[in-house]
Amino acid sequence: MANVRTYASSQTFAVSACFASAEEAWFWFVRCQQVRRDGARFSDSGGPQRPCDPDDIYVAAATLHRRGVLSRPHMSVLGTFGLRGHPPDARCRDEQNSARLWDEALDRLSTILRSKGIVG
């Protein structure tokens, strides 16, 4: 019978930090897309490890849009205010409709992100 040797693994596993909300995940996705567009590449920067790739957020939103769960206005509001870096303000008369669409879109997005373990 051959001797079996076991070795202790020197590999460490980082604990991933789920997003607190779909809104936080969406803003993270938009920031990642902006730095990608500027030519940055992703690497282990020592920050919190995320439970997904930025593309996973996009795929979730695109899937909901394809299924008709998110409409074109929902997607437009997500894009517009994602690039602005802040949600629409429901107190502002000009942004009341956008705030409603934003809330609906993130509510629907949070369901799928929670089921994937992306949002805690």
Protein backbone atom coordinates (compact mmCIF):
# COMPACT_ATOMS: atom_id res chain seq x y z
CA MET A 1 0.00 0.00 0.00
CA ALA A 2 1.36 3.40 -0.98
CA ASN A 3 1.95 6.07 1.59
CA VAL A 4 -0.56 8.87 1.36
CA ARG A 5 0.78 12.32 2.05
CA THR A 6 -1.35 15.26 2.92
CA TYR A 7 -0.29 18.85 2.69
CA ALA A 8 -1.69 21.85 4.45
CA SER A 9 -3.10 24.28 1.95
CA SER A 10 -1.42 27.65 1.88
CA GLN A 11 -4.31 29.09 -0.08
CA THR A 12 -6.43 31.60 1.80
CA PHE A 13 -10.04 32.23 1.00
CA ALA A 14 -11.38 35.75 1.16
CA VAL A 15 -14.77 36.25 2.68
CA SER A 16 -17.07 38.05 0.30
CA ALA A 17 -19.18 40.93 1.48
CA CYS A 18 -22.74 40.93 0.19
CA PHE A 19 -24.24 44.23 -0.80
CA ALA A 20 -26.63 45.76 1.71
CA SER A 21 -29.13 46.67 -1.01
CA ALA A 22 -29.79 46.45 -4.72
CA GLU A 23 -29.11 50.19 -4.90
CA GLU A 24 -25.60 49.71 -3.50
CA ALA A 25 -24.99 46.87 -5.98
CA TRP A 26 -26.25 48.99 -8.88
CA PHE A 27 -24.00 51.96 -8.03
CA TRP A 28 -21.03 49.57 -7.66
CA PHE A 29 -21.80 48.10 -11.08
CA VAL A 30 -21.98 51.56 -12.69
CA ARG A 31 -18.67 52.63 -11.11
CA CYS A 32 -17.04 49.43 -12.35
CA GLN A 33 -18.33 50.09 -15.86
CA GLN A 34 -16.98 53.64 -15.76
CA VAL A 35 -13.48 52.53 -14.78
CA ARG A 36 -13.61 49.75 -17.38
CA ARG A 37 -14.52 52.31 -20.01
CA ASP A 38 -11.52 54.36 -18.91
CA GLY A 39 -9.26 51.35 -19.47
CA ALA A 40 -8.80 49.99 -15.95
CA ARG A 41 -8.54 46.28 -15.29
CA PHE A 42 -9.85 44.56 -12.21
CA SER A 43 -7.47 43.04 -9.70
CA ASP A 44 -7.44 42.16 -6.03
CA SER A 45 -7.11 45.67 -4.62
CA GLY A 46 -7.38 44.69 -0.99
CA GLY A 47 -10.90 46.11 -0.71
CA PRO A 48 -13.90 44.05 0.27
CA GLN A 49 -14.37 41.00 -1.90
CA ARG A 50 -17.70 41.06 -3.67
CA PRO A 51 -19.90 37.98 -4.17
CA CYS A 52 -20.16 38.59 -7.90
CA ASP A 53 -18.66 40.07 -11.00
CA PRO A 54 -19.95 43.47 -12.20
CA ASP A 55 -21.34 41.66 -15.24
CA ASP A 56 -23.62 39.61 -12.96
CA ILE A 57 -25.51 42.78 -12.03
CA TYR A 58 -25.88 43.68 -15.70
CA VAL A 59 -27.06 40.19 -16.61
CA ALA A 60 -29.70 40.31 -13.85
CA ALA A 61 -31.04 43.67 -15.06
CA ALA A 62 -30.93 42.64 -18.73
CA THR A 63 -32.75 39.39 -17.95
CA LEU A 64 -35.52 41.28 -16.14
CA HIS A 65 -35.76 43.69 -19.08
CA ARG A 66 -35.95 40.85 -21.61
CA ARG A 67 -38.72 39.18 -19.58
CA GLY A 68 -40.68 42.43 -19.49
CA VAL A 69 -40.30 42.85 -15.74
CA LEU A 70 -38.27 46.05 -16.23
CA SER A 71 -39.48 48.42 -18.93
CA ARG A 72 -37.42 50.78 -21.07
CA PRO A 73 -38.22 53.73 -18.72
CA HIS A 74 -37.00 51.65 -15.75
CA MET A 75 -33.73 50.93 -17.55
CA SER A 76 -33.35 54.56 -18.59
CA VAL A 77 -33.77 55.80 -15.01
CA LEU A 78 -31.29 53.20 -13.73
CA GLY A 79 -28.75 54.33 -16.30
CA THR A 80 -29.27 58.06 -15.88
CA PHE A 81 -29.15 58.16 -12.10
CA GLY A 82 -26.52 55.44 -11.91
CA LEU A 83 -24.19 57.69 -13.90
CA ARG A 84 -25.10 60.65 -11.70
CA GLY A 85 -24.13 58.60 -8.66
CA HIS A 86 -27.25 59.30 -6.64
CA PRO A 87 -30.88 58.17 -6.68
CA PRO A 88 -33.65 60.48 -7.85
CA ASP A 89 -35.16 62.68 -5.16
CA ALA A 90 -38.89 62.07 -4.74
CA ARG A 91 -39.21 65.45 -3.01
CA CYS A 92 -38.13 67.22 -6.20
CA ARG A 93 -41.11 67.72 -8.49
CA ASP A 94 -39.05 67.05 -11.64
CA GLU A 95 -37.78 63.73 -10.29
CA GLN A 96 -40.95 62.28 -8.75
CA ASN A 97 -41.71 59.98 -11.68
CA SER A 98 -38.07 58.95 -11.91
CA ALA A 99 -38.04 58.18 -8.18
CA ARG A 100 -41.07 55.90 -8.59
CA LEU A 101 -39.46 54.07 -11.52
CA TRP A 102 -36.16 53.82 -9.61
CA ASP A 103 -37.85 52.27 -6.57
CA GLU A 104 -39.81 49.81 -8.72
CA ALA A 105 -36.72 48.78 -10.69
CA LEU A 106 -34.56 48.25 -7.62
CA ASP A 107 -37.33 46.36 -5.85
CA ARG A 108 -37.57 43.95 -8.77
CA LEU A 109 -33.79 43.76 -9.15
CA SER A 110 -33.30 43.06 -5.44
CA THR A 111 -35.41 39.92 -5.70
CA ILE A 112 -33.13 38.30 -8.26
CA LEU A 113 -29.93 39.60 -6.63
CA ARG A 114 -31.02 38.26 -3.24
CA SER A 115 -31.76 34.83 -4.74
CA LYS A 116 -28.21 34.76 -6.17
CA GLY A 117 -26.64 35.74 -2.85
CA ILE A 118 -25.42 39.10 -4.16
CA VAL A 119 -27.61 41.18 -1.85
CA GLY A 120 -27.82 40.17 1.80
